């Protein structure tokens, strides 16, 4: 399961927009966000936003904060993320 979720932390946007659930991957299958390529390992992982909250509550609230720069904002910041494609 942890290897599956590592793809969610890939620095490539096309790979990280997947595998949101840590334990019940059935939700990723249902919502079409399951991603596990065969015969490949995830490359460089990490957060592009070094100020991203490390606390539980901050991470839960992050998707609802419009001013936080995260991969979901890719189309607003293509110049920043282009290097990882």
PDB file of N, CA and C in Angstrom:
ATOM      1  N   UNK A   1       0.807  -1.193   0.000  1.00  0.00           N
ATOM      2  CA  UNK A   1       0.000   0.000   0.000  1.00  0.00           C
ATOM      3  C   UNK A   1       0.856   1.265   0.000  1.00  0.00           C
ATOM      4  N   UNK A   2       1.942   1.280   0.766  1.00  0.00           N
ATOM      5  CA  UNK A   2       2.749   2.494   0.796  1.00  0.00           C
ATOM      6  C   UNK A   2       3.389   2.762  -0.562  1.00  0.00           C
ATOM      7  N   UNK A   3       3.792   1.720  -1.270  1.00  0.00           N
ATOM      8  CA  UNK A   3       4.376   1.920  -2.596  1.00  0.00           C
ATOM      9  C   UNK A   3       3.342   2.509  -3.546  1.00  0.00           C
ATOM     10  N   UNK A   4       2.116   2.070  -3.435  1.00  0.00           N
ATOM     11  CA  UNK A   4       1.040   2.608  -4.258  1.00  0.00           C
ATOM     12  C   UNK A   4       0.856   4.100  -3.989  1.00  0.00           C
ATOM     13  N   UNK A   5       0.861   4.485  -2.734  1.00  0.00           N
ATOM     14  CA  UNK A   5       0.656   5.896  -2.385  1.00  0.00           C
ATOM     15  C   UNK A   5       1.864   6.757  -2.743  1.00  0.00           C
ATOM     16  N   UNK A   6       3.045   6.154  -2.847  1.00  0.00           N
ATOM     17  CA  UNK A   6       4.234   6.927  -3.248  1.00  0.00           C
ATOM     18  C   UNK A   6       4.028   7.586  -4.605  1.00  0.00           C
ATOM     19  N   UNK A   7       3.256   6.954  -5.491  1.00  0.00           N
ATOM     20  CA  UNK A   7       2.984   7.560  -6.796  1.00  0.00           C
ATOM     21  C   UNK A   7       2.248   8.884  -6.626  1.00  0.00           C
ATOM     22  N   UNK A   8       1.465   9.018  -5.581  1.00  0.00           N
ATOM     23  CA  UNK A   8       0.751  10.260  -5.310  1.00  0.00           C
ATOM     24  C   UNK A   8       1.724  11.400  -5.016  1.00  0.00           C
ATOM     25  N   UNK A   9       2.919  11.067  -4.556  1.00  0.00           N
ATOM     26  CA  UNK A   9       3.912  12.074  -4.214  1.00  0.00           C
ATOM     27  C   UNK A   9       4.985  12.244  -5.283  1.00  0.00           C
ATOM     28  N   UNK A  10       4.744  11.683  -6.464  1.00  0.00           N
ATOM     29  CA  UNK A  10       5.667  11.893  -7.582  1.00  0.00           C
ATOM     30  C   UNK A  10       5.688  13.373  -7.930  1.00  0.00           C
ATOM     31  N   UNK A  11       6.828  13.874  -8.349  1.00  0.00           N
ATOM     32  CA  UNK A  11       6.909  15.276  -8.763  1.00  0.00           C
ATOM     33  C   UNK A  11       6.357  15.482 -10.168  1.00  0.00           C
ATOM     34  N   UNK A  12       6.031  14.405 -10.861  1.00  0.00           N
ATOM     35  CA  UNK A  12       5.383  14.527 -12.173  1.00  0.00           C
ATOM     36  C   UNK A  12       3.879  14.625 -11.948  1.00  0.00           C
ATOM     37  N   UNK A  13       3.297  15.717 -12.377  1.00  0.00           N
ATOM     38  CA  UNK A  13       1.883  15.964 -12.150  1.00  0.00           C
ATOM     39  C   UNK A  13       1.026  14.851 -12.732  1.00  0.00           C
ATOM     40  N   UNK A  14       1.387  14.353 -13.879  1.00  0.00           N
ATOM     41  CA  UNK A  14       0.598  13.302 -14.526  1.00  0.00           C
ATOM     42  C   UNK A  14       0.566  12.017 -13.689  1.00  0.00           C
ATOM     43  N   UNK A  15       1.538  11.825 -12.823  1.00  0.00           N
ATOM     44  CA  UNK A  15       1.576  10.647 -11.961  1.00  0.00           C
ATOM     45  C   UNK A  15       1.013  10.928 -10.570  1.00  0.00           C
ATOM     46  N   UNK A  16       1.166  12.148 -10.104  1.00  0.00           N
ATOM     47  CA  UNK A  16       0.773  12.450  -8.726  1.00  0.00           C
ATOM     48  C   UNK A  16      -0.710  12.745  -8.564  1.00  0.00           C
ATOM     49  N   UNK A  17      -1.416  12.944  -9.634  1.00  0.00           N
ATOM     50  CA  UNK A  17      -2.851  13.207  -9.550  1.00  0.00           C
ATOM     51  C   UNK A  17      -3.606  11.896  -9.422  1.00  0.00           C
ATOM     52  N   UNK A  18      -3.162  11.034  -8.524  1.00  0.00           N
ATOM     53  CA  UNK A  18      -3.726   9.692  -8.364  1.00  0.00           C
ATOM     54  C   UNK A  18      -3.430   9.162  -6.965  1.00  0.00           C
ATOM     55  N   UNK A  19      -4.034   8.025  -6.651  1.00  0.00           N
ATOM     56  CA  UNK A  19      -3.751   7.284  -5.417  1.00  0.00           C
ATOM     57  C   UNK A  19      -3.863   8.163  -4.163  1.00  0.00           C
ATOM     58  N   UNK A  20      -5.018   8.754  -3.984  1.00  0.00           N
ATOM     59  CA  UNK A  20      -5.249   9.643  -2.853  1.00  0.00           C
ATOM     60  C   UNK A  20      -5.447   8.887  -1.546  1.00  0.00           C
ATOM     61  N   UNK A  21      -5.928   7.665  -1.613  1.00  0.00           N
ATOM     62  CA  UNK A  21      -6.278   6.910  -0.412  1.00  0.00           C
ATOM     63  C   UNK A  21      -5.103   6.031   0.011  1.00  0.00           C
ATOM     64  N   UNK A  22      -4.838   6.024   1.299  1.00  0.00           N
ATOM     65  CA  UNK A  22      -3.731   5.231   1.821  1.00  0.00           C
ATOM     66  C   UNK A  22      -4.089   3.777   2.075  1.00  0.00           C
ATOM     67  N   UNK A  23      -5.318   3.492   2.490  1.00  0.00           N
ATOM     68  CA  UNK A  23      -5.645   2.144   2.946  1.00  0.00           C
ATOM     69  C   UNK A  23      -6.678   1.409   2.093  1.00  0.00           C
ATOM     70  N   UNK A  24      -7.717   2.060   1.691  1.00  0.00           N
ATOM     71  CA  UNK A  24      -8.764   1.391   0.908  1.00  0.00           C
ATOM     72  C   UNK A  24      -8.715   1.869  -0.539  1.00  0.00           C
ATOM     73  N   UNK A  25      -7.851   1.258  -1.318  1.00  0.00           N
ATOM     74  CA  UNK A  25      -7.664   1.714  -2.688  1.00  0.00           C
ATOM     75  C   UNK A  25      -8.917   1.564  -3.546  1.00  0.00           C
ATOM     76  N   UNK A  26      -9.928   0.887  -3.014  1.00  0.00           N
ATOM     77  CA  UNK A  26     -11.175   0.735  -3.757  1.00  0.00           C
ATOM     78  C   UNK A  26     -11.744   2.111  -4.123  1.00  0.00           C
ATOM     79  N   UNK A  27     -11.548   3.119  -3.274  1.00  0.00           N
ATOM     80  CA  UNK A  27     -12.055   4.459  -3.585  1.00  0.00           C
ATOM     81  C   UNK A  27     -11.327   5.047  -4.788  1.00  0.00           C
ATOM     82  N   UNK A  28     -10.037   4.829  -4.901  1.00  0.00           N
ATOM     83  CA  UNK A  28      -9.302   5.303  -6.078  1.00  0.00           C
ATOM     84  C   UNK A  28      -9.759   4.565  -7.331  1.00  0.00           C
ATOM     85  N   UNK A  29     -10.075   3.299  -7.197  1.00  0.00           N
ATOM     86  CA  UNK A  29     -10.587   2.534  -8.342  1.00  0.00           C
ATOM     87  C   UNK A  29     -11.950   3.084  -8.757  1.00  0.00           C
ATOM     88  N   UNK A  30     -12.831   3.310  -7.783  1.00  0.00           N
ATOM     89  CA  UNK A  30     -14.177   3.829  -8.072  1.00  0.00           C
ATOM     90  C   UNK A  30     -14.117   5.197  -8.735  1.00  0.00           C
ATOM     91  N   UNK A  31     -13.262   6.081  -8.235  1.00  0.00           N
ATOM     92  CA  UNK A  31     -13.202   7.444  -8.759  1.00  0.00           C
ATOM     93  C   UNK A  31     -12.209   7.609  -9.917  1.00  0.00           C
ATOM     94  N   UNK A  32     -11.611   6.511 -10.349  1.00  0.00           N
ATOM     95  CA  UNK A  32     -10.713   6.568 -11.513  1.00  0.00           C
ATOM     96  C   UNK A  32      -9.372   7.220 -11.238  1.00  0.00           C
ATOM     97  N   UNK A  33      -8.940   7.234  -9.988  1.00  0.00           N
ATOM     98  CA  UNK A  33      -7.659   7.848  -9.643  1.00  0.00           C
ATOM     99  C   UNK A  33      -6.592   6.817  -9.265  1.00  0.00           C
ATOM    100  N   UNK A  34      -6.861   5.553  -9.528  1.00  0.00           N
ATOM    101  CA  UNK A  34      -5.892   4.490  -9.257  1.00  0.00           C
ATOM    102  C   UNK A  34      -4.807   4.522 -10.321  1.00  0.00           C
ATOM    103  N   UNK A  35      -3.536   4.482  -9.890  1.00  0.00           N
ATOM    104  CA  UNK A  35      -2.407   4.536 -10.826  1.00  0.00           C
ATOM    105  C   UNK A  35      -1.281   3.666 -10.297  1.00  0.00           C
ATOM    106  N   UNK A  36      -0.965   2.602 -11.005  1.00  0.00           N
ATOM    107  CA  UNK A  36       0.137   1.723 -10.626  1.00  0.00           C
ATOM    108  C   UNK A  36       0.695   1.085 -11.897  1.00  0.00           C
ATOM    109  N   UNK A  37       1.633   1.769 -12.553  1.00  0.00           N
ATOM    110  CA  UNK A  37       2.206   1.227 -13.784  1.00  0.00           C
ATOM    111  C   UNK A  37       3.035  -0.026 -13.522  1.00  0.00           C
ATOM    112  N   UNK A  38       2.942  -0.957 -14.434  1.00  0.00           N
ATOM    113  CA  UNK A  38       3.712  -2.200 -14.296  1.00  0.00           C
ATOM    114  C   UNK A  38       5.146  -1.981 -14.748  1.00  0.00           C
ATOM    115  N   UNK A  39       6.047  -2.669 -14.108  1.00  0.00           N
ATOM    116  CA  UNK A  39       7.468  -2.677 -14.482  1.00  0.00           C
ATOM    117  C   UNK A  39       8.112  -1.286 -14.399  1.00  0.00           C
ATOM    118  N   UNK A  40       7.625  -0.457 -13.485  1.00  0.00           N
ATOM    119  CA  UNK A  40       8.207   0.868 -13.268  1.00  0.00           C
ATOM    120  C   UNK A  40       8.194   1.181 -11.790  1.00  0.00           C
ATOM    121  N   UNK A  41       9.163   1.950 -11.354  1.00  0.00           N
ATOM    122  CA  UNK A  41       9.180   2.462  -9.993  1.00  0.00           C
ATOM    123  C   UNK A  41       8.964   3.958 -10.058  1.00  0.00           C
ATOM    124  N   UNK A  42       8.409   4.495  -8.980  1.00  0.00           N
ATOM    125  CA  UNK A  42       8.196   5.937  -8.932  1.00  0.00           C
ATOM    126  C   UNK A  42       9.554   6.628  -8.932  1.00  0.00           C
ATOM    127  N   UNK A  43       9.625   7.755  -9.622  1.00  0.00           N
ATOM    128  CA  UNK A  43      10.876   8.515  -9.686  1.00  0.00           C
ATOM    129  C   UNK A  43      11.017   9.440  -8.494  1.00  0.00           C
ATOM    130  N   UNK A  44      11.397  10.669  -8.757  1.00  0.00           N
ATOM    131  CA  UNK A  44      11.606  11.646  -7.692  1.00  0.00           C
ATOM    132  C   UNK A  44      10.278  11.990  -7.025  1.00  0.00           C
ATOM    133  N   UNK A  45      10.279  11.968  -5.700  1.00  0.00           N
ATOM    134  CA  UNK A  45       9.066  12.309  -4.962  1.00  0.00           C
ATOM    135  C   UNK A  45       9.340  13.508  -4.069  1.00  0.00           C
ATOM    136  N   UNK A  46       8.278  14.128  -3.619  1.00  0.00           N
ATOM    137  CA  UNK A  46       8.416  15.247  -2.690  1.00  0.00           C
ATOM    138  C   UNK A  46       7.348  16.287  -2.921  1.00  0.00           C
ATOM    139  N   UNK A  47       7.371  17.290  -2.104  1.00  0.00           N
ATOM    140  CA  UNK A  47       6.434  18.398  -2.228  1.00  0.00           C
ATOM    141  C   UNK A  47       7.114  19.539  -2.960  1.00  0.00           C
ATOM    142  N   UNK A  48       6.415  20.101  -3.934  1.00  0.00           N
ATOM    143  CA  UNK A  48       6.963  21.265  -4.617  1.00  0.00           C
ATOM    144  C   UNK A  48       6.826  22.504  -3.748  1.00  0.00           C
ATOM    145  N   UNK A  49       5.815  22.517  -2.918  1.00  0.00           N
ATOM    146  CA  UNK A  49       5.603  23.639  -2.009  1.00  0.00           C
ATOM    147  C   UNK A  49       6.242  23.300  -0.667  1.00  0.00           C
ATOM    148  N   UNK A  50       7.363  23.885  -0.378  1.00  0.00           N
ATOM    149  CA  UNK A  50       8.083  23.575   0.854  1.00  0.00           C
ATOM    150  C   UNK A  50       7.390  24.127   2.098  1.00  0.00           C
ATOM    151  N   UNK A  51       6.387  24.998   1.928  1.00  0.00           N
ATOM    152  CA  UNK A  51       5.660  25.556   3.060  1.00  0.00           C
ATOM    153  C   UNK A  51       4.368  24.792   3.340  1.00  0.00           C
ATOM    154  N   UNK A  52       4.163  23.667   2.663  1.00  0.00           N
ATOM    155  CA  UNK A  52       2.956  22.863   2.863  1.00  0.00           C
ATOM    156  C   UNK A  52       2.901  22.373   4.311  1.00  0.00           C
ATOM    157  N   UNK A  53       1.744  22.455   4.906  1.00  0.00           N
ATOM    158  CA  UNK A  53       1.581  22.106   6.319  1.00  0.00           C
ATOM    159  C   UNK A  53       2.039  20.681   6.629  1.00  0.00           C
ATOM    160  N   UNK A  54       2.730  20.515   7.729  1.00  0.00           N
ATOM    161  CA  UNK A  54       3.123  19.182   8.191  1.00  0.00           C
ATOM    162  C   UNK A  54       2.136  18.632   9.210  1.00  0.00           C
ATOM    163  N   UNK A  55       1.230  19.479   9.698  1.00  0.00           N
ATOM    164  CA  UNK A  55       0.251  19.051  10.685  1.00  0.00           C
ATOM    165  C   UNK A  55      -0.984  18.442  10.047  1.00  0.00           C
ATOM    166  N   UNK A  56      -1.643  17.586  10.781  1.00  0.00           N
ATOM    167  CA  UNK A  56      -2.814  16.867  10.270  1.00  0.00           C
ATOM    168  C   UNK A  56      -3.931  17.822   9.854  1.00  0.00           C
ATOM    169  N   UNK A  57      -4.313  18.741  10.730  1.00  0.00           N
ATOM    170  CA  UNK A  57      -5.407  19.667  10.437  1.00  0.00           C
ATOM    171  C   UNK A  57      -5.057  20.545   9.228  1.00  0.00           C
ATOM    172  N   UNK A  58      -3.838  21.012   9.172  1.00  0.00           N
ATOM    173  CA  UNK A  58      -3.403  21.835   8.037  1.00  0.00           C
ATOM    174  C   UNK A  58      -3.490  21.090   6.713  1.00  0.00           C
ATOM    175  N   UNK A  59      -3.164  19.814   6.726  1.00  0.00           N
ATOM    176  CA  UNK A  59      -3.241  19.017   5.502  1.00  0.00           C
ATOM    177  C   UNK A  59      -4.687  18.733   5.111  1.00  0.00           C
ATOM    178  N   UNK A  60      -5.539  18.533   6.107  1.00  0.00           N
ATOM    179  CA  UNK A  60      -6.959  18.307   5.819  1.00  0.00           C
ATOM    180  C   UNK A  60      -7.577  19.563   5.209  1.00  0.00           C
ATOM    181  N   UNK A  61      -7.174  20.730   5.694  1.00  0.00           N
ATOM    182  CA  UNK A  61      -7.739  21.993   5.225  1.00  0.00           C
ATOM    183  C   UNK A  61      -7.098  22.503   3.932  1.00  0.00           C
ATOM    184  N   UNK A  62      -5.927  22.007   3.572  1.00  0.00           N
ATOM    185  CA  UNK A  62      -5.177  22.508   2.417  1.00  0.00           C
ATOM    186  C   UNK A  62      -5.976  22.567   1.115  1.00  0.00           C
ATOM    187  N   UNK A  63      -6.747  21.552   0.749  1.00  0.00           N
ATOM    188  CA  UNK A  63      -7.475  21.630  -0.518  1.00  0.00           C
ATOM    189  C   UNK A  63      -8.519  22.750  -0.571  1.00  0.00           C
ATOM    190  N   UNK A  64      -8.898  23.274   0.589  1.00  0.00           N
ATOM    191  CA  UNK A  64      -9.928  24.303   0.641  1.00  0.00           C
ATOM    192  C   UNK A  64      -9.360  25.713   0.726  1.00  0.00           C
ATOM    193  N   UNK A  65      -8.035  25.816   0.717  1.00  0.00           N
ATOM    194  CA  UNK A  65      -7.381  27.120   0.793  1.00  0.00           C
ATOM    195  C   UNK A  65      -6.906  27.505  -0.592  1.00  0.00           C
ATOM    196  N   UNK A  66      -7.473  28.548  -1.140  1.00  0.00           N
ATOM    197  CA  UNK A  66      -7.160  28.958  -2.506  1.00  0.00           C
ATOM    198  C   UNK A  66      -5.762  29.519  -2.690  1.00  0.00           C
ATOM    199  N   UNK A  67      -5.117  29.961  -1.629  1.00  0.00           N
ATOM    200  CA  UNK A  67      -3.812  30.598  -1.780  1.00  0.00           C
ATOM    201  C   UNK A  67      -2.636  29.638  -1.637  1.00  0.00           C
ATOM    202  N   UNK A  68      -2.894  28.364  -1.439  1.00  0.00           N
ATOM    203  CA  UNK A  68      -1.804  27.407  -1.266  1.00  0.00           C
ATOM    204  C   UNK A  68      -1.403  26.851  -2.635  1.00  0.00           C
ATOM    205  N   UNK A  69      -0.138  26.813  -2.903  1.00  0.00           N
ATOM    206  CA  UNK A  69       0.370  26.349  -4.193  1.00  0.00           C
ATOM    207  C   UNK A  69       0.656  24.858  -4.096  1.00  0.00           C
ATOM    208  N   UNK A  70      -0.085  24.059  -4.820  1.00  0.00           N
ATOM    209  CA  UNK A  70       0.051  22.607  -4.777  1.00  0.00           C
ATOM    210  C   UNK A  70      -0.169  22.058  -6.178  1.00  0.00           C
ATOM    211  N   UNK A  71       0.152  20.804  -6.438  1.00  0.00           N
ATOM    212  CA  UNK A  71      -0.019  20.258  -7.775  1.00  0.00           C
ATOM    213  C   UNK A  71      -1.413  20.432  -8.358  1.00  0.00           C
ATOM    214  N   UNK A  72      -2.442  20.493  -7.537  1.00  0.00           N
ATOM    215  CA  UNK A  72      -3.787  20.705  -8.068  1.00  0.00           C
ATOM    216  C   UNK A  72      -3.889  22.049  -8.785  1.00  0.00           C
ATOM    217  N   UNK A  73      -2.964  22.966  -8.508  1.00  0.00           N
ATOM    218  CA  UNK A  73      -2.945  24.275  -9.161  1.00  0.00           C
ATOM    219  C   UNK A  73      -2.057  24.276 -10.407  1.00  0.00           C
ATOM    220  N   UNK A  74      -1.774  23.138 -10.932  1.00  0.00           N
ATOM    221  CA  UNK A  74      -0.841  23.014 -12.052  1.00  0.00           C
ATOM    222  C   UNK A  74      -1.133  23.991 -13.178  1.00  0.00           C
ATOM    223  N   UNK A  75      -2.386  24.095 -13.581  1.00  0.00           N
ATOM    224  CA  UNK A  75      -2.706  24.929 -14.741  1.00  0.00           C
ATOM    225  C   UNK A  75      -2.555  26.417 -14.454  1.00  0.00           C
ATOM    226  N   UNK A  76      -2.480  26.793 -13.201  1.00  0.00           N
ATOM    227  CA  UNK A  76      -2.235  28.194 -12.850  1.00  0.00           C
ATOM    228  C   UNK A  76      -0.737  28.496 -12.790  1.00  0.00           C
ATOM    229  N   UNK A  77       0.087  27.444 -12.683  1.00  0.00           N
ATOM    230  CA  UNK A  77       1.525  27.628 -12.488  1.00  0.00           C
ATOM    231  C   UNK A  77       2.328  26.695 -13.397  1.00  0.00           C
ATOM    232  N   UNK A  78       1.954  26.593 -14.656  1.00  0.00           N
ATOM    233  CA  UNK A  78       2.636  25.656 -15.543  1.00  0.00           C
ATOM    234  C   UNK A  78       4.128  25.908 -15.644  1.00  0.00           C
ATOM    235  N   UNK A  79       4.545  27.175 -15.575  1.00  0.00           N
ATOM    236  CA  UNK A  79       5.976  27.469 -15.676  1.00  0.00           C
ATOM    237  C   UNK A  79       6.759  26.828 -14.529  1.00  0.00           C
ATOM    238  N   UNK A  80       6.178  26.798 -13.325  1.00  0.00           N
ATOM    239  CA  UNK A  80       6.853  26.217 -12.165  1.00  0.00           C
ATOM    240  C   UNK A  80       6.944  24.697 -12.268  1.00  0.00           C
ATOM    241  N   UNK A  81       5.898  24.064 -12.767  1.00  0.00           N
ATOM    242  CA  UNK A  81       5.838  22.602 -12.795  1.00  0.00           C
ATOM    243  C   UNK A  81       6.392  21.985 -14.069  1.00  0.00           C
ATOM    244  N   UNK A  82       6.574  22.754 -15.116  1.00  0.00           N
ATOM    245  CA  UNK A  82       6.989  22.224 -16.406  1.00  0.00           C
ATOM    246  C   UNK A  82       8.260  21.390 -16.317  1.00  0.00           C
ATOM    247  N   UNK A  83       9.161  21.764 -15.436  1.00  0.00           N
ATOM    248  CA  UNK A  83      10.436  21.049 -15.321  1.00  0.00           C
ATOM    249  C   UNK A  83      10.291  19.598 -14.891  1.00  0.00           C
ATOM    250  N   UNK A  84       9.135  19.231 -14.316  1.00  0.00           N
ATOM    251  CA  UNK A  84       8.943  17.869 -13.830  1.00  0.00           C
ATOM    252  C   UNK A  84       8.163  16.994 -14.800  1.00  0.00           C
ATOM    253  N   UNK A  85       7.700  17.550 -15.883  1.00  0.00           N
ATOM    254  CA  UNK A  85       6.917  16.748 -16.848  1.00  0.00           C
ATOM    255  C   UNK A  85       7.817  15.893 -17.691  1.00  0.00           C
TER     256      UNK A  85
END
